[in-house]
Amino acid sequence: MRGDGHATFLSELGCLPVSAMIPIPAAPEFRDEQGALQRHANAENWRDYMGRTFAQPAWWAGAAARHRDAVDPQSRIKPFGRPPSQRNAPGEP
């Protein structure tokens, strides 16, 4: 499988596709060499953009924590106590 298909495949398995990088489009056009906004950049728009960038993973973390508190995962998914060969899906040899 090519790398660009992993996110779709993992999403189908219920995994959250979270990238390790935060893309900031056209950053060199709006930031100087020290990283400060250049005068022509709209600071409010950049604050909103960066706020959304960090709000999404914070929302997911909160949602996961609330769900874990409401539904104990250990009560729903018991630890494996048998060898892998004995954990096959029903009907499998």
Foldseek 3Di string as FASTA:
>chain_A
DDPVCPCVVVVVVVDHDDDPDDDDPPQPVQADPVGDGDPVDDVVVVVVVVCVSPVVVVVVVVVVVVVCVVDPVCVVDPDDPDDPVVPDDPPDD
